[in-house]
Amino acid sequence: DILRARKGWTYGAGSSAAERLDTGYFRACTQTRNAVADSALATMLMLLDSIRAAPVPAADLDQARDYITGSFPLGFETPQQVAGQVASNTLLDRPASYLEQYRSRVAATTAEDVQQTARQMLDPDRAVIARLPGLATGTPAAATTSADVVEMLNVPLPSPPVPTTSIAPSGALTRRTRSRMA
């Protein structure tokens, strides 16, 4: 909302997380004009840091929970989607009840759960930031390797102290997700 509605820097920005067998990832991305790219990146990093520093506002948490629990059934509309969900559940060694209990676990997620998970998973010291500065000039079409197109950045981000011991949140992420994504 800040990048799009308040600043007018992009048509959209978003984030996602993925669980994998060995390591998962969290990704935040946007597309913006080159002239405001550095400001947009700094704002995105500030927003990510704010999730680590303080509990998310109740209205934001309610909106996220409603979206996740409401859209979850859409992943089961076709036989292929059902097979994909079951296959993922099996490959990730989740209990058979995982899919049945998913929405209730998401609905029970608290702001403190989100903050604790963000502190565990969003480590600014391990962040990889990729920027595509040549898209507006046509450079990527002439590029021969991704190194010609992607500029990797190491941007320090101030962060609050992270506890050395952690309590697993009661929210939607499973123990396996947290341990694999850490």
C-alpha atoms as a PDB file:
ATOM      1  CA  ASP A   1       0.000   0.000   0.000  1.00  0.00           C
ATOM      2  CA  ILE A   2       2.842   2.417   0.771  1.00  0.00           C
ATOM      3  CA  LEU A   3       4.744   1.831  -2.481  1.00  0.00           C
ATOM      4  CA  ARG A   4       1.625   1.861  -4.652  1.00  0.00           C
ATOM      5  CA  ALA A   5      -1.023   4.080  -3.081  1.00  0.00           C
ATOM      6  CA  ARG A   6       0.964   6.525  -0.963  1.00  0.00           C
ATOM      7  CA  LYS A   7       4.106   6.958  -3.048  1.00  0.00           C
ATOM      8  CA  GLY A   8       2.830   6.081  -6.529  1.00  0.00           C
ATOM      9  CA  TRP A   9       6.056   4.212  -7.315  1.00  0.00           C
ATOM     10  CA  THR A  10       4.566   0.982  -8.631  1.00  0.00           C
ATOM     11  CA  TYR A  11       1.373  -0.700  -9.764  1.00  0.00           C
ATOM     12  CA  GLY A  12       1.990  -3.431  -7.244  1.00  0.00           C
ATOM     13  CA  ALA A  13       4.347  -4.954  -4.739  1.00  0.00           C
ATOM     14  CA  GLY A  14       4.057  -8.290  -3.049  1.00  0.00           C
ATOM     15  CA  SER A  15       5.714 -11.011  -1.091  1.00  0.00           C
ATOM     16  CA  SER A  16       5.540 -14.767  -0.831  1.00  0.00           C
ATOM     17  CA  ALA A  17       7.155 -17.637   1.006  1.00  0.00           C
ATOM     18  CA  ALA A  18       7.835 -21.157  -0.164  1.00  0.00           C
ATOM     19  CA  GLU A  19       8.583 -24.300   1.753  1.00  0.00           C
ATOM     20  CA  ARG A  20      11.042 -26.703   0.173  1.00  0.00           C
ATOM     21  CA  LEU A  21      12.575 -30.002   1.256  1.00  0.00           C
ATOM     22  CA  ASP A  22      15.930 -28.508   2.204  1.00  0.00           C
ATOM     23  CA  THR A  23      15.505 -24.746   2.362  1.00  0.00           C
ATOM     24  CA  GLY A  24      12.585 -22.451   1.769  1.00  0.00           C
ATOM     25  CA  TYR A  25      12.602 -18.804   0.887  1.00  0.00           C
ATOM     26  CA  PHE A  26      10.803 -15.533   1.414  1.00  0.00           C
ATOM     27  CA  ARG A  27      10.578 -13.125  -1.499  1.00  0.00           C
ATOM     28  CA  ALA A  28       9.435  -9.515  -1.679  1.00  0.00           C
ATOM     29  CA  CYS A  29       9.295  -7.880  -5.088  1.00  0.00           C
ATOM     30  CA  THR A  30       8.050  -4.930  -7.076  1.00  0.00           C
ATOM     31  CA  GLN A  31       8.496  -3.314 -10.458  1.00  0.00           C
ATOM     32  CA  THR A  32       9.231   0.389 -10.477  1.00  0.00           C
ATOM     33  CA  ARG A  33      10.784   3.171 -12.504  1.00  0.00           C
ATOM     34  CA  ASN A  34      14.581   3.388 -12.347  1.00  0.00           C
ATOM     35  CA  ALA A  35      14.331   6.926 -10.934  1.00  0.00           C
ATOM     36  CA  VAL A  36      12.634   5.679  -7.747  1.00  0.00           C
ATOM     37  CA  ALA A  37      14.115   2.178  -7.535  1.00  0.00           C
ATOM     38  CA  ASP A  38      16.520   2.983  -4.694  1.00  0.00           C
ATOM     39  CA  SER A  39      13.772   4.694  -2.675  1.00  0.00           C
ATOM     40  CA  ALA A  40      11.381   1.804  -3.305  1.00  0.00           C
ATOM     41  CA  LEU A  41      14.023  -0.716  -2.208  1.00  0.00           C
ATOM     42  CA  ALA A  42      14.786   1.246   0.953  1.00  0.00           C
ATOM     43  CA  THR A  43      11.070   1.433   1.752  1.00  0.00           C
ATOM     44  CA  MET A  44      10.607  -2.313   1.206  1.00  0.00           C
ATOM     45  CA  LEU A  45      13.533  -3.059   3.526  1.00  0.00           C
ATOM     46  CA  MET A  46      12.129  -0.668   6.134  1.00  0.00           C
ATOM     47  CA  LEU A  47       8.735  -2.406   5.956  1.00  0.00           C
ATOM     48  CA  LEU A  48      10.332  -5.839   6.371  1.00  0.00           C
ATOM     49  CA  ASP A  49      12.291  -4.563   9.348  1.00  0.00           C
ATOM     50  CA  SER A  50       9.123  -3.156  10.915  1.00  0.00           C
ATOM     51  CA  ILE A  51       7.568  -6.642  10.887  1.00  0.00           C
ATOM     52  CA  ARG A  52      10.544  -7.877  12.888  1.00  0.00           C
ATOM     53  CA  ALA A  53      10.509  -4.906  15.256  1.00  0.00           C
ATOM     54  CA  ALA A  54       6.853  -4.736  16.277  1.00  0.00           C
ATOM     55  CA  PRO A  55       3.651  -6.771  16.019  1.00  0.00           C
ATOM     56  CA  VAL A  56       1.714  -6.207  12.809  1.00  0.00           C
ATOM     57  CA  PRO A  57      -1.370  -3.982  13.143  1.00  0.00           C
ATOM     58  CA  ALA A  58      -4.585  -5.899  13.879  1.00  0.00           C
ATOM     59  CA  ALA A  59      -6.284  -4.691  10.682  1.00  0.00           C
ATOM     60  CA  ASP A  60      -3.367  -5.932   8.534  1.00  0.00           C
ATOM     61  CA  LEU A  61      -3.337  -9.290  10.308  1.00  0.00           C
ATOM     62  CA  ASP A  62      -7.110  -9.677   9.921  1.00  0.00           C
ATOM     63  CA  GLN A  63      -6.881  -8.877   6.214  1.00  0.00           C
ATOM     64  CA  ALA A  64      -4.051 -11.383   5.677  1.00  0.00           C
ATOM     65  CA  ARG A  65      -5.795 -14.139   7.650  1.00  0.00           C
ATOM     66  CA  ASP A  66      -9.062 -13.561   5.778  1.00  0.00           C
ATOM     67  CA  TYR A  67      -7.281 -13.662   2.409  1.00  0.00           C
ATOM     68  CA  ILE A  68      -5.302 -16.827   3.189  1.00  0.00           C
ATOM     69  CA  THR A  69      -8.198 -18.759   4.711  1.00  0.00           C
ATOM     70  CA  GLY A  70     -10.602 -17.561   2.016  1.00  0.00           C
ATOM     71  CA  SER A  71      -8.369 -18.355  -0.947  1.00  0.00           C
ATOM     72  CA  PHE A  72      -7.068 -21.708   0.348  1.00  0.00           C
ATOM     73  CA  PRO A  73     -10.027 -23.724  -1.044  1.00  0.00           C
ATOM     74  CA  LEU A  74      -9.286 -22.347  -4.520  1.00  0.00           C
ATOM     75  CA  GLY A  75      -6.260 -24.650  -4.575  1.00  0.00           C
ATOM     76  CA  PHE A  76      -8.585 -27.675  -4.633  1.00  0.00           C
ATOM     77  CA  GLU A  77     -10.909 -26.875  -7.548  1.00  0.00           C
ATOM     78  CA  THR A  78      -9.571 -29.374 -10.079  1.00  0.00           C
ATOM     79  CA  PRO A  79      -8.335 -32.960  -9.812  1.00  0.00           C
ATOM     80  CA  GLN A  80      -4.867 -31.734 -10.784  1.00  0.00           C
ATOM     81  CA  GLN A  81      -4.852 -29.207  -7.938  1.00  0.00           C
ATOM     82  CA  VAL A  82      -5.964 -31.830  -5.426  1.00  0.00           C
ATOM     83  CA  ALA A  83      -3.244 -34.200  -6.646  1.00  0.00           C
ATOM     84  CA  GLY A  84      -0.662 -31.397  -6.403  1.00  0.00           C
ATOM     85  CA  GLN A  85      -1.686 -30.534  -2.845  1.00  0.00           C
ATOM     86  CA  VAL A  86      -1.563 -34.173  -1.762  1.00  0.00           C
ATOM     87  CA  ALA A  87       1.797 -34.692  -3.495  1.00  0.00           C
ATOM     88  CA  SER A  88       3.308 -31.600  -1.834  1.00  0.00           C
ATOM     89  CA  ASN A  89       1.957 -32.654   1.535  1.00  0.00           C
ATOM     90  CA  THR A  90       3.512 -36.099   1.109  1.00  0.00           C
ATOM     91  CA  LEU A  91       6.862 -34.818  -0.231  1.00  0.00           C
ATOM     92  CA  LEU A  92       7.179 -32.377   2.665  1.00  0.00           C
ATOM     93  CA  ASP A  93       6.440 -35.189   5.128  1.00  0.00           C
ATOM     94  CA  ARG A  94       3.486 -33.388   6.652  1.00  0.00           C
ATOM     95  CA  PRO A  95       0.911 -35.279   8.698  1.00  0.00           C
ATOM     96  CA  ALA A  96      -2.287 -36.302   6.919  1.00  0.00           C
ATOM     97  CA  SER A  97      -4.199 -33.728   8.993  1.00  0.00           C
ATOM     98  CA  TYR A  98      -2.088 -30.795   7.750  1.00  0.00           C
ATOM     99  CA  LEU A  99      -4.415 -29.746   4.934  1.00  0.00           C
ATOM    100  CA  GLU A 100      -7.548 -30.276   7.013  1.00  0.00           C
ATOM    101  CA  GLN A 101      -6.231 -28.092   9.851  1.00  0.00           C
ATOM    102  CA  TYR A 102      -4.491 -25.451   7.741  1.00  0.00           C
ATOM    103  CA  ARG A 103      -7.261 -22.832   7.774  1.00  0.00           C
ATOM    104  CA  SER A 104      -7.852 -23.140  11.518  1.00  0.00           C
ATOM    105  CA  ARG A 105      -4.103 -22.757  12.185  1.00  0.00           C
ATOM    106  CA  VAL A 106      -3.975 -19.657   9.982  1.00  0.00           C
ATOM    107  CA  ALA A 107      -7.071 -18.227  11.687  1.00  0.00           C
ATOM    108  CA  ALA A 108      -5.405 -18.738  15.086  1.00  0.00           C
ATOM    109  CA  THR A 109      -2.208 -16.905  14.095  1.00  0.00           C
ATOM    110  CA  THR A 110      -1.498 -13.903  16.338  1.00  0.00           C
ATOM    111  CA  ALA A 111       0.469 -10.726  15.728  1.00  0.00           C
ATOM    112  CA  GLU A 112       3.072 -12.073  18.141  1.00  0.00           C
ATOM    113  CA  ASP A 113       3.349 -15.269  16.059  1.00  0.00           C
ATOM    114  CA  VAL A 114       4.011 -13.189  12.945  1.00  0.00           C
ATOM    115  CA  GLN A 115       6.622 -11.070  14.692  1.00  0.00           C
ATOM    116  CA  GLN A 116       8.411 -14.086  16.186  1.00  0.00           C
ATOM    117  CA  THR A 117       8.445 -15.867  12.833  1.00  0.00           C
ATOM    118  CA  ALA A 118       9.710 -12.720  11.093  1.00  0.00           C
ATOM    119  CA  ARG A 119      12.519 -12.451  13.620  1.00  0.00           C
ATOM    120  CA  GLN A 120      13.470 -16.070  12.971  1.00  0.00           C
ATOM    121  CA  MET A 121      13.098 -16.085   9.191  1.00  0.00           C
ATOM    122  CA  LEU A 122      13.800 -12.572   7.893  1.00  0.00           C
ATOM    123  CA  ASP A 123      17.491 -12.230   8.588  1.00  0.00           C
ATOM    124  CA  PRO A 124      18.777  -9.047   6.908  1.00  0.00           C
ATOM    125  CA  ASP A 125      22.347 -10.357   7.121  1.00  0.00           C
ATOM    126  CA  ARG A 126      21.382 -13.272   4.857  1.00  0.00           C
ATOM    127  CA  ALA A 127      19.302 -11.266   2.394  1.00  0.00           C
ATOM    128  CA  VAL A 128      20.012 -11.426  -1.320  1.00  0.00           C
ATOM    129  CA  ILE A 129      18.838  -8.393  -3.230  1.00  0.00           C
ATOM    130  CA  ALA A 130      18.674  -8.459  -7.007  1.00  0.00           C
ATOM    131  CA  ARG A 131      17.938  -5.416  -9.113  1.00  0.00           C
ATOM    132  CA  LEU A 132      17.433  -5.242 -12.877  1.00  0.00           C
ATOM    133  CA  PRO A 133      18.584  -1.724 -13.703  1.00  0.00           C
ATOM    134  CA  GLY A 134      18.819  -2.141 -17.477  1.00  0.00           C
ATOM    135  CA  LEU A 135      15.218  -3.055 -18.264  1.00  0.00           C
ATOM    136  CA  ALA A 136      14.232   0.491 -19.236  1.00  0.00           C
ATOM    137  CA  THR A 137      17.158   0.834 -21.625  1.00  0.00           C
ATOM    138  CA  GLY A 138      16.791  -2.474 -23.429  1.00  0.00           C
ATOM    139  CA  THR A 139      20.059  -3.852 -22.034  1.00  0.00           C
ATOM    140  CA  PRO A 140      18.626  -7.291 -21.135  1.00  0.00           C
ATOM    141  CA  ALA A 141      17.861  -8.116 -24.767  1.00  0.00           C
ATOM    142  CA  ALA A 142      21.549  -7.757 -25.595  1.00  0.00           C
ATOM    143  CA  ALA A 143      22.765  -9.486 -22.454  1.00  0.00           C
ATOM    144  CA  THR A 144      24.311 -12.918 -22.759  1.00  0.00           C
ATOM    145  CA  THR A 145      24.251 -13.956 -19.098  1.00  0.00           C
ATOM    146  CA  SER A 146      22.162 -13.140 -16.052  1.00  0.00           C
ATOM    147  CA  ALA A 147      25.225 -11.361 -14.618  1.00  0.00           C
ATOM    148  CA  ASP A 148      24.876  -8.847 -17.471  1.00  0.00           C
ATOM    149  CA  VAL A 149      21.306  -8.097 -16.390  1.00  0.00           C
ATOM    150  CA  VAL A 150      21.093  -8.548 -12.621  1.00  0.00           C
ATOM    151  CA  GLU A 151      22.869  -6.267 -10.205  1.00  0.00           C
ATOM    152  CA  MET A 152      23.311  -7.947  -6.829  1.00  0.00           C
ATOM    153  CA  LEU A 153      23.230  -5.579  -3.874  1.00  0.00           C
ATOM    154  CA  ASN A 154      24.331  -5.952  -0.302  1.00  0.00           C
ATOM    155  CA  VAL A 155      22.228  -3.447   1.598  1.00  0.00           C
ATOM    156  CA  PRO A 156      22.718  -3.308   5.371  1.00  0.00           C
ATOM    157  CA  LEU A 157      19.446  -3.130   7.251  1.00  0.00           C
ATOM    158  CA  PRO A 158      19.289  -2.157  10.903  1.00  0.00           C
ATOM    159  CA  SER A 159      17.454  -4.754  12.877  1.00  0.00           C
ATOM    160  CA  PRO A 160      16.282  -5.295  16.426  1.00  0.00           C
ATOM    161  CA  PRO A 161      18.074  -7.887  18.546  1.00  0.00           C
ATOM    162  CA  VAL A 162      16.936 -11.396  17.737  1.00  0.00           C
ATOM    163  CA  PRO A 163      16.472 -13.792  20.655  1.00  0.00           C
ATOM    164  CA  THR A 164      19.017 -16.594  20.838  1.00  0.00           C
ATOM    165  CA  THR A 165      16.330 -19.014  21.911  1.00  0.00           C
ATOM    166  CA  SER A 166      12.964 -19.082  20.278  1.00  0.00           C
ATOM    167  CA  ILE A 167       9.538 -20.428  20.967  1.00  0.00           C
ATOM    168  CA  ALA A 168       7.759 -21.914  18.002  1.00  0.00           C
ATOM    169  CA  PRO A 169       4.739 -19.801  17.052  1.00  0.00           C
ATOM    170  CA  SER A 170       1.348 -21.437  17.179  1.00  0.00           C
ATOM    171  CA  GLY A 171       0.448 -20.046  13.764  1.00  0.00           C
ATOM    172  CA  ALA A 172       0.305 -21.475  10.286  1.00  0.00           C
ATOM    173  CA  LEU A 173       3.969 -22.380   9.799  1.00  0.00           C
ATOM    174  CA  THR A 174       4.843 -25.893  10.841  1.00  0.00           C
ATOM    175  CA  ARG A 175       7.926 -26.915  12.800  1.00  0.00           C
ATOM    176  CA  ARG A 176       9.353 -28.408   9.636  1.00  0.00           C
ATOM    177  CA  THR A 177       8.825 -25.154   7.745  1.00  0.00           C
ATOM    178  CA  ARG A 178      10.579 -23.133  10.406  1.00  0.00           C
ATOM    179  CA  SER A 179      13.514 -25.486  10.715  1.00  0.00           C
ATOM    180  CA  ARG A 180      13.954 -25.842   6.962  1.00  0.00           C
ATOM    181  CA  MET A 181      13.628 -22.145   6.268  1.00  0.00           C
ATOM    182  CA  ALA A 182      15.962 -21.077   9.062  1.00  0.00           C
END
